[in-house]
Amino acid sequence: MRFACLLLGFAAAGCGVEVARDLDGAAANEVIVELDRHGIAADKVGGDAGLFRVTVGRGQLAAAAQRLQSAELPRPARPGVQATFGKSSLIPTPLEERARLYAALGSDLERTLELFPAVERARVHLSIDTLSGLADAPPPPSAAIVLRLRPRGEINPDECKRIVAKAAVGLDPARIDLITTRAPAEAAPAAVAPAPGRERSVYLALFALFAVVFLSMGMLWVLRRLQKERSARRANDPRLQPG
C-alpha cells in the first residue's frame, strides 16, 4: 500500500512543469489556447493575488517554450488610459500629460486591433502635438501601425487606419503608415507529435491504480488464508473442543 501511494505521488508530481507565471486570467487563457493549437496540453493553476501559472508535461517543455517564444507570449502588460494617468507625477507639465495620453491611446488601440481574428500582435505609435509647445508650426499628426498577422489572416488596411484616425483628433488616415508581417505557417495536424509527458503520466497513474488493486487483493487473500488456518487449529486442538 505504501509503495502504491508513492507511485501515485510520483505520477502527480511529474505531470506539471511551469512555462509561465504571474499571469492574469486572460493572459493565461491566451497562452493555453496558443499551446493547444499546436497540440501541447497545458493546465492553468491558480496562485496568489488572483494570478495564474501555466504548466505542461515535462516531455513538452522544450516545444512549449519554443512555441511561446515564437508567438511572443505571454504578452507584456500594456497600461491603458486609466492605468497610465493613475501614475501622475506631483505637478505634470502639459507636454508630459499629452505624451502620456497618446502613449495610453496607443496601448488601447493595440488591444482593439488585436480583437480582429487575423491579427496576432499589434503596435501603434502616435505622433500628435507632443512638441507643439517647442515649435511655432508643429507638424501635422501622424501614426504608424505594425501588425503581425496569423498565417492565413487577411485584413482591410483602410478599416485599420480609420480605427486609429478616429481615436485622435485631427489625424488624417492618409498620414497613417501600415506595415504588416505574417507569422510562420503552422505545421499540419498530422505532423503534431503527441504529448509524451502527459501520456507517461497517465501510464504511471494507471500502473499505480493496478498496483493498489493488486495489493488489496493480495492482502485479502492473506487474511482469508490466516483465518482458515486459525479455524483449522481450533478444530484440531482438544483443549478448544466443547466439554
C-alpha atoms as a PDB file:
ATOM      1  CA  MET A   1       0.000   0.000   0.000  1.00  0.00           C
ATOM      2  CA  ARG A   2       2.787   2.418   0.847  1.00  0.00           C
ATOM      3  CA  PHE A   3       4.527   1.629  -2.456  1.00  0.00           C
ATOM      4  CA  ALA A   4       1.335   2.337  -4.387  1.00  0.00           C
ATOM      5  CA  CYS A   5       0.889   5.680  -2.655  1.00  0.00           C
ATOM      6  CA  LEU A   6       4.429   6.628  -3.573  1.00  0.00           C
ATOM      7  CA  LEU A   7       3.730   5.776  -7.199  1.00  0.00           C
ATOM      8  CA  LEU A   8       0.599   7.914  -7.181  1.00  0.00           C
ATOM      9  CA  GLY A   9       2.520  10.835  -5.705  1.00  0.00           C
ATOM     10  CA  PHE A  10       5.265  10.462  -8.296  1.00  0.00           C
ATOM     11  CA  ALA A  11       2.759  10.415 -11.130  1.00  0.00           C
ATOM     12  CA  ALA A  12       1.023  13.545  -9.831  1.00  0.00           C
ATOM     13  CA  ALA A  13       4.312  15.397  -9.312  1.00  0.00           C
ATOM     14  CA  GLY A  14       5.686  14.567 -12.762  1.00  0.00           C
ATOM     15  CA  CYS A  15       2.844  15.934 -14.881  1.00  0.00           C
ATOM     16  CA  GLY A  16       3.305  19.694 -14.442  1.00  0.00           C
ATOM     17  CA  VAL A  17       6.286  21.850 -15.395  1.00  0.00           C
ATOM     18  CA  GLU A  18       5.850  25.627 -15.257  1.00  0.00           C
ATOM     19  CA  VAL A  19       6.266  27.577 -18.518  1.00  0.00           C
ATOM     20  CA  ALA A  20       4.667  30.902 -17.495  1.00  0.00           C
ATOM     21  CA  ARG A  21       3.708  32.528 -14.222  1.00  0.00           C
ATOM     22  CA  ASP A  22       2.161  35.647 -12.658  1.00  0.00           C
ATOM     23  CA  LEU A  23      -0.459  35.962 -15.417  1.00  0.00           C
ATOM     24  CA  ASP A  24      -3.965  37.313 -15.181  1.00  0.00           C
ATOM     25  CA  GLY A  25      -6.811  35.108 -16.338  1.00  0.00           C
ATOM     26  CA  ALA A  26      -6.932  36.444 -19.904  1.00  0.00           C
ATOM     27  CA  ALA A  27      -3.173  36.140 -20.426  1.00  0.00           C
ATOM     28  CA  ALA A  28      -3.113  32.593 -19.042  1.00  0.00           C
ATOM     29  CA  ASN A  29      -6.003  31.595 -21.313  1.00  0.00           C
ATOM     30  CA  GLU A  30      -4.191  33.085 -24.305  1.00  0.00           C
ATOM     31  CA  VAL A  31      -1.096  31.001 -23.545  1.00  0.00           C
ATOM     32  CA  ILE A  32      -3.159  27.817 -23.152  1.00  0.00           C
ATOM     33  CA  VAL A  33      -5.048  28.428 -26.413  1.00  0.00           C
ATOM     34  CA  GLU A  34      -1.801  29.013 -28.308  1.00  0.00           C
ATOM     35  CA  LEU A  35      -0.244  25.822 -26.958  1.00  0.00           C
ATOM     36  CA  ASP A  36      -3.399  23.829 -27.642  1.00  0.00           C
ATOM     37  CA  ARG A  37      -3.384  25.000 -31.269  1.00  0.00           C
ATOM     38  CA  HIS A  38      -0.035  23.229 -31.627  1.00  0.00           C
ATOM     39  CA  GLY A  39      -1.004  20.025 -29.860  1.00  0.00           C
ATOM     40  CA  ILE A  40       0.572  20.864 -26.490  1.00  0.00           C
ATOM     41  CA  ALA A  41      -1.662  20.151 -23.500  1.00  0.00           C
ATOM     42  CA  ALA A  42      -1.418  22.784 -20.756  1.00  0.00           C
ATOM     43  CA  ASP A  43      -3.076  23.486 -17.401  1.00  0.00           C
ATOM     44  CA  LYS A  44      -3.881  26.776 -15.664  1.00  0.00           C
ATOM     45  CA  VAL A  45      -3.054  26.726 -11.957  1.00  0.00           C
ATOM     46  CA  GLY A  46      -4.294  29.430  -9.605  1.00  0.00           C
ATOM     47  CA  GLY A  47      -1.929  31.303  -7.317  1.00  0.00           C
ATOM     48  CA  ASP A  48      -1.801  34.294  -5.001  1.00  0.00           C
ATOM     49  CA  ALA A  49      -3.371  37.693  -5.712  1.00  0.00           C
ATOM     50  CA  GLY A  50      -5.607  36.272  -8.447  1.00  0.00           C
ATOM     51  CA  LEU A  51      -2.661  35.417 -10.710  1.00  0.00           C
ATOM     52  CA  PHE A  52      -2.095  32.150 -12.549  1.00  0.00           C
ATOM     53  CA  ARG A  53       0.708  29.981 -13.847  1.00  0.00           C
ATOM     54  CA  VAL A  54       0.655  27.643 -16.842  1.00  0.00           C
ATOM     55  CA  THR A  55       2.149  24.151 -16.702  1.00  0.00           C
ATOM     56  CA  VAL A  56       2.809  21.480 -19.329  1.00  0.00           C
ATOM     57  CA  GLY A  57       4.055  17.899 -19.294  1.00  0.00           C
ATOM     58  CA  ARG A  58       7.772  17.535 -18.693  1.00  0.00           C
ATOM     59  CA  GLY A  59       8.265  15.990 -22.122  1.00  0.00           C
ATOM     60  CA  GLN A  60       6.599  19.005 -23.780  1.00  0.00           C
ATOM     61  CA  LEU A  61       8.599  21.719 -22.005  1.00  0.00           C
ATOM     62  CA  ALA A  62      11.009  22.428 -24.883  1.00  0.00           C
ATOM     63  CA  ALA A  63       8.252  22.507 -27.514  1.00  0.00           C
ATOM     64  CA  ALA A  64       6.079  24.772 -25.344  1.00  0.00           C
ATOM     65  CA  ALA A  65       8.901  27.225 -24.651  1.00  0.00           C
ATOM     66  CA  GLN A  66       9.763  27.402 -28.353  1.00  0.00           C
ATOM     67  CA  ARG A  67       6.125  27.981 -29.319  1.00  0.00           C
ATOM     68  CA  LEU A  68       5.618  30.738 -26.751  1.00  0.00           C
ATOM     69  CA  GLN A  69       8.842  32.455 -27.803  1.00  0.00           C
ATOM     70  CA  SER A  70       7.762  32.367 -31.461  1.00  0.00           C
ATOM     71  CA  ALA A  71       4.337  33.797 -30.595  1.00  0.00           C
ATOM     72  CA  GLU A  72       5.855  36.372 -28.192  1.00  0.00           C
ATOM     73  CA  LEU A  73       3.746  35.103 -25.317  1.00  0.00           C
ATOM     74  CA  PRO A  74       2.933  35.894 -22.616  1.00  0.00           C
ATOM     75  CA  ARG A  75       2.409  39.477 -23.681  1.00  0.00           C
ATOM     76  CA  PRO A  76       3.878  42.256 -21.534  1.00  0.00           C
ATOM     77  CA  ALA A  77       1.366  44.358 -19.645  1.00  0.00           C
ATOM     78  CA  ARG A  78       0.263  47.432 -21.563  1.00  0.00           C
ATOM     79  CA  PRO A  79      -1.372  50.173 -19.476  1.00  0.00           C
ATOM     80  CA  GLY A  80      -4.470  51.850 -20.833  1.00  0.00           C
ATOM     81  CA  VAL A  81      -5.613  55.406 -20.308  1.00  0.00           C
ATOM     82  CA  GLN A  82      -6.848  54.860 -16.757  1.00  0.00           C
ATOM     83  CA  ALA A  83      -3.729  52.960 -15.641  1.00  0.00           C
ATOM     84  CA  THR A  84      -1.368  55.462 -17.214  1.00  0.00           C
ATOM     85  CA  PHE A  85      -2.991  58.529 -15.719  1.00  0.00           C
ATOM     86  CA  GLY A  86      -3.203  56.843 -12.342  1.00  0.00           C
ATOM     87  CA  LYS A  87       0.589  57.261 -12.111  1.00  0.00           C
ATOM     88  CA  SER A  88       0.578  61.026 -12.261  1.00  0.00           C
ATOM     89  CA  SER A  89       3.573  62.986 -11.032  1.00  0.00           C
ATOM     90  CA  LEU A  90       3.159  65.697  -8.437  1.00  0.00           C
ATOM     91  CA  ILE A  91       2.947  68.577 -10.946  1.00  0.00           C
ATOM     92  CA  PRO A  92       2.935  67.159 -14.513  1.00  0.00           C
ATOM     93  CA  THR A  93       3.651  69.577 -17.339  1.00  0.00           C
ATOM     94  CA  PRO A  94       1.246  69.902 -20.293  1.00  0.00           C
ATOM     95  CA  LEU A  95       3.848  68.210 -22.517  1.00  0.00           C
ATOM     96  CA  GLU A  96       4.078  65.236 -20.136  1.00  0.00           C
ATOM     97  CA  GLU A  97       0.308  64.960 -19.988  1.00  0.00           C
ATOM     98  CA  ARG A  98      -0.027  64.904 -23.793  1.00  0.00           C
ATOM     99  CA  ALA A  99       2.768  62.369 -24.200  1.00  0.00           C
ATOM    100  CA  ARG A 100       1.246  60.071 -21.608  1.00  0.00           C
ATOM    101  CA  LEU A 101      -2.201  60.486 -23.147  1.00  0.00           C
ATOM    102  CA  TYR A 102      -1.066  59.382 -26.600  1.00  0.00           C
ATOM    103  CA  ALA A 103       1.003  56.526 -25.189  1.00  0.00           C
ATOM    104  CA  ALA A 104      -2.107  55.274 -23.392  1.00  0.00           C
ATOM    105  CA  LEU A 105      -4.224  55.732 -26.518  1.00  0.00           C
ATOM    106  CA  GLY A 106      -1.676  53.699 -28.459  1.00  0.00           C
ATOM    107  CA  SER A 107      -1.963  50.834 -25.950  1.00  0.00           C
ATOM    108  CA  ASP A 108      -5.753  50.885 -26.136  1.00  0.00           C
ATOM    109  CA  LEU A 109      -5.648  50.906 -29.953  1.00  0.00           C
ATOM    110  CA  GLU A 110      -3.301  47.908 -29.935  1.00  0.00           C
ATOM    111  CA  ARG A 111      -5.779  45.928 -27.864  1.00  0.00           C
ATOM    112  CA  THR A 112      -8.597  46.969 -30.213  1.00  0.00           C
ATOM    113  CA  LEU A 113      -6.737  45.869 -33.340  1.00  0.00           C
ATOM    114  CA  GLU A 114      -5.875  42.545 -31.727  1.00  0.00           C
ATOM    115  CA  LEU A 115      -9.596  41.790 -31.500  1.00  0.00           C
ATOM    116  CA  PHE A 116      -9.524  41.072 -35.241  1.00  0.00           C
ATOM    117  CA  PRO A 117      -9.179  37.287 -35.734  1.00  0.00           C
ATOM    118  CA  ALA A 118      -6.464  37.818 -38.366  1.00  0.00           C
ATOM    119  CA  VAL A 119      -4.225  39.910 -36.065  1.00  0.00           C
ATOM    120  CA  GLU A 120      -1.826  38.124 -33.740  1.00  0.00           C
ATOM    121  CA  ARG A 121       0.050  41.183 -32.449  1.00  0.00           C
ATOM    122  CA  ALA A 122      -0.368  44.939 -32.955  1.00  0.00           C
ATOM    123  CA  ARG A 123       1.764  48.015 -32.304  1.00  0.00           C
ATOM    124  CA  VAL A 124       0.544  51.595 -32.681  1.00  0.00           C
ATOM    125  CA  HIS A 125       2.811  54.659 -32.490  1.00  0.00           C
ATOM    126  CA  LEU A 126       1.156  58.092 -32.419  1.00  0.00           C
ATOM    127  CA  SER A 127       2.923  61.376 -33.079  1.00  0.00           C
ATOM    128  CA  ILE A 128       0.360  64.042 -32.278  1.00  0.00           C
ATOM    129  CA  ASP A 129       1.112  67.532 -30.996  1.00  0.00           C
ATOM    130  CA  THR A 130       3.627  66.336 -28.377  1.00  0.00           C
ATOM    131  CA  LEU A 131       6.101  69.065 -29.337  1.00  0.00           C
ATOM    132  CA  SER A 132       3.662  71.875 -30.065  1.00  0.00           C
ATOM    133  CA  GLY A 133       4.974  73.877 -27.129  1.00  0.00           C
ATOM    134  CA  LEU A 134       8.508  73.836 -28.603  1.00  0.00           C
ATOM    135  CA  ALA A 135       7.735  74.848 -32.191  1.00  0.00           C
ATOM    136  CA  ASP A 136       5.800  77.678 -33.836  1.00  0.00           C
ATOM    137  CA  ALA A 137       4.423  75.402 -36.575  1.00  0.00           C
ATOM    138  CA  PRO A 138       4.169  71.814 -35.303  1.00  0.00           C
ATOM    139  CA  PRO A 139       3.972  69.092 -37.942  1.00  0.00           C
ATOM    140  CA  PRO A 140       0.572  67.555 -38.644  1.00  0.00           C
ATOM    141  CA  PRO A 141      -0.251  64.469 -36.595  1.00  0.00           C
ATOM    142  CA  SER A 142       0.777  61.076 -37.933  1.00  0.00           C
ATOM    143  CA  ALA A 143       0.797  57.468 -36.839  1.00  0.00           C
ATOM    144  CA  ALA A 144       2.369  54.117 -37.641  1.00  0.00           C
ATOM    145  CA  ILE A 145       0.713  50.712 -37.288  1.00  0.00           C
ATOM    146  CA  VAL A 146       2.643  47.442 -37.278  1.00  0.00           C
ATOM    147  CA  LEU A 147       0.559  44.262 -37.430  1.00  0.00           C
ATOM    148  CA  ARG A 148       1.691  40.668 -37.137  1.00  0.00           C
ATOM    149  CA  LEU A 149      -0.932  38.612 -38.960  1.00  0.00           C
ATOM    150  CA  ARG A 150      -1.756  34.977 -38.439  1.00  0.00           C
ATOM    151  CA  PRO A 151      -0.544  32.573 -41.162  1.00  0.00           C
ATOM    152  CA  ARG A 152      -3.789  32.787 -43.162  1.00  0.00           C
ATOM    153  CA  GLY A 153      -5.123  36.056 -41.788  1.00  0.00           C
ATOM    154  CA  GLU A 154      -6.264  38.912 -44.025  1.00  0.00           C
ATOM    155  CA  ILE A 155      -7.250  42.454 -43.014  1.00  0.00           C
ATOM    156  CA  ASN A 156      -8.715  45.579 -44.577  1.00  0.00           C
ATOM    157  CA  PRO A 157      -5.953  48.241 -44.359  1.00  0.00           C
ATOM    158  CA  ASP A 158      -8.385  51.148 -44.725  1.00  0.00           C
ATOM    159  CA  GLU A 159     -10.504  49.851 -41.869  1.00  0.00           C
ATOM    160  CA  CYS A 160      -7.489  49.631 -39.554  1.00  0.00           C
ATOM    161  CA  LYS A 161      -6.447  53.173 -40.454  1.00  0.00           C
ATOM    162  CA  ARG A 162      -9.961  54.523 -39.809  1.00  0.00           C
ATOM    163  CA  ILE A 163     -10.000  52.967 -36.330  1.00  0.00           C
ATOM    164  CA  VAL A 164      -6.746  54.694 -35.415  1.00  0.00           C
ATOM    165  CA  ALA A 165      -7.702  58.006 -37.055  1.00  0.00           C
ATOM    166  CA  LYS A 166     -10.967  58.252 -35.116  1.00  0.00           C
ATOM    167  CA  ALA A 167      -9.133  57.853 -31.812  1.00  0.00           C
ATOM    168  CA  ALA A 168      -7.025  61.007 -32.299  1.00  0.00           C
ATOM    169  CA  VAL A 169      -8.407  64.432 -33.186  1.00  0.00           C
ATOM    170  CA  GLY A 170      -7.055  65.831 -36.444  1.00  0.00           C
ATOM    171  CA  LEU A 171      -5.341  62.641 -37.587  1.00  0.00           C
ATOM    172  CA  ASP A 172      -5.781  62.083 -41.335  1.00  0.00           C
ATOM    173  CA  PRO A 173      -5.889  58.403 -42.390  1.00  0.00           C
ATOM    174  CA  ALA A 174      -3.601  59.361 -45.287  1.00  0.00           C
ATOM    175  CA  ARG A 175      -0.847  60.117 -42.748  1.00  0.00           C
ATOM    176  CA  ILE A 176      -1.021  56.664 -41.170  1.00  0.00           C
ATOM    177  CA  ASP A 177       1.536  54.100 -42.290  1.00  0.00           C
ATOM    178  CA  LEU A 178       0.522  50.455 -42.041  1.00  0.00           C
ATOM    179  CA  ILE A 179       3.132  47.682 -42.028  1.00  0.00           C
ATOM    180  CA  THR A 180       2.170  44.015 -41.856  1.00  0.00           C
ATOM    181  CA  THR A 181       4.204  40.895 -41.194  1.00  0.00           C
ATOM    182  CA  ARG A 182       2.981  37.322 -41.125  1.00  0.00           C
ATOM    183  CA  ALA A 183       3.565  34.597 -38.553  1.00  0.00           C
ATOM    184  CA  PRO A 184       5.166  31.367 -39.817  1.00  0.00           C
ATOM    185  CA  ALA A 185       2.783  28.796 -41.236  1.00  0.00           C
ATOM    186  CA  GLU A 186       1.604  26.248 -38.724  1.00  0.00           C
ATOM    187  CA  ALA A 187       2.550  22.604 -39.008  1.00  0.00           C
ATOM    188  CA  ALA A 188      -0.075  20.223 -40.367  1.00  0.00           C
ATOM    189  CA  PRO A 189      -2.126  18.498 -37.655  1.00  0.00           C
ATOM    190  CA  ALA A 190      -0.764  15.072 -38.720  1.00  0.00           C
ATOM    191  CA  ALA A 191       2.776  16.272 -38.016  1.00  0.00           C
ATOM    192  CA  VAL A 192       1.985  17.305 -34.448  1.00  0.00           C
ATOM    193  CA  ALA A 193       3.709  14.936 -32.068  1.00  0.00           C
ATOM    194  CA  PRO A 194       1.682  13.548 -29.174  1.00  0.00           C
ATOM    195  CA  ALA A 195       2.361  14.750 -25.671  1.00  0.00           C
ATOM    196  CA  PRO A 196       4.764  12.110 -24.314  1.00  0.00           C
ATOM    197  CA  GLY A 197       4.933  13.734 -20.910  1.00  0.00           C
ATOM    198  CA  ARG A 198       1.166  13.599 -20.446  1.00  0.00           C
ATOM    199  CA  GLU A 199       0.967  10.025 -21.800  1.00  0.00           C
ATOM    200  CA  ARG A 200       3.744   8.902 -19.444  1.00  0.00           C
ATOM    201  CA  SER A 201       1.896  10.455 -16.518  1.00  0.00           C
ATOM    202  CA  VAL A 202      -1.311   8.623 -17.496  1.00  0.00           C
ATOM    203  CA  TYR A 203       0.551   5.325 -17.741  1.00  0.00           C
ATOM    204  CA  LEU A 204       2.126   5.864 -14.327  1.00  0.00           C
ATOM    205  CA  ALA A 205      -1.252   6.672 -12.798  1.00  0.00           C
ATOM    206  CA  LEU A 206      -2.816   3.536 -14.338  1.00  0.00           C
ATOM    207  CA  PHE A 207       0.103   1.419 -13.132  1.00  0.00           C
ATOM    208  CA  ALA A 208      -0.297   2.829  -9.633  1.00  0.00           C
ATOM    209  CA  LEU A 209      -4.030   2.095  -9.722  1.00  0.00           C
ATOM    210  CA  PHE A 210      -3.433  -1.503 -10.799  1.00  0.00           C
ATOM    211  CA  ALA A 211      -0.785  -1.833  -8.091  1.00  0.00           C
ATOM    212  CA  VAL A 212      -3.263  -0.677  -5.443  1.00  0.00           C
ATOM    213  CA  VAL A 213      -5.884  -3.165  -6.675  1.00  0.00           C
ATOM    214  CA  PHE A 214      -3.321  -5.998  -6.809  1.00  0.00           C
ATOM    215  CA  LEU A 215      -2.021  -5.281  -3.305  1.00  0.00           C
ATOM    216  CA  SER A 216      -5.557  -5.056  -1.929  1.00  0.00           C
ATOM    217  CA  MET A 217      -6.450  -8.430  -3.442  1.00  0.00           C
ATOM    218  CA  GLY A 218      -3.222  -9.925  -2.073  1.00  0.00           C
ATOM    219  CA  MET A 219      -3.918  -8.630   1.420  1.00  0.00           C
ATOM    220  CA  LEU A 220      -7.477 -10.008   1.267  1.00  0.00           C
ATOM    221  CA  TRP A 221      -6.173 -13.433   0.216  1.00  0.00           C
ATOM    222  CA  VAL A 222      -3.614 -13.458   3.055  1.00  0.00           C
ATOM    223  CA  LEU A 223      -6.288 -12.511   5.611  1.00  0.00           C
ATOM    224  CA  ARG A 224      -8.590 -15.282   4.414  1.00  0.00           C
ATOM    225  CA  ARG A 225      -5.728 -17.802   4.485  1.00  0.00           C
ATOM    226  CA  LEU A 226      -4.853 -16.844   8.054  1.00  0.00           C
ATOM    227  CA  GLN A 227      -8.482 -17.111   9.068  1.00  0.00           C
ATOM    228  CA  LYS A 228      -8.761 -20.633   7.614  1.00  0.00           C
ATOM    229  CA  GLU A 229      -5.537 -21.760   9.343  1.00  0.00           C
ATOM    230  CA  ARG A 230      -6.774 -20.393  12.657  1.00  0.00           C
ATOM    231  CA  SER A 231     -10.077 -22.207  12.274  1.00  0.00           C
ATOM    232  CA  ALA A 232      -8.237 -25.469  11.434  1.00  0.00           C
ATOM    233  CA  ARG A 233      -6.019 -25.189  14.515  1.00  0.00           C
ATOM    234  CA  ARG A 234      -9.042 -24.684  16.729  1.00  0.00           C
ATOM    235  CA  ALA A 235     -10.759 -27.724  15.243  1.00  0.00           C
ATOM    236  CA  ASN A 236      -7.696 -29.951  15.870  1.00  0.00           C
ATOM    237  CA  ASP A 237      -6.912 -28.711  19.375  1.00  0.00           C
ATOM    238  CA  PRO A 238      -8.698 -30.852  22.009  1.00  0.00           C
ATOM    239  CA  ARG A 239      -8.418 -28.105  24.557  1.00  0.00           C
ATOM    240  CA  LEU A 240     -10.604 -25.906  22.429  1.00  0.00           C
ATOM    241  CA  GLN A 241     -13.272 -28.591  21.900  1.00  0.00           C
ATOM    242  CA  PRO A 242     -16.567 -28.140  23.799  1.00  0.00           C
ATOM    243  CA  GLY A 243     -16.792 -30.286  27.019  1.00  0.00           C
END
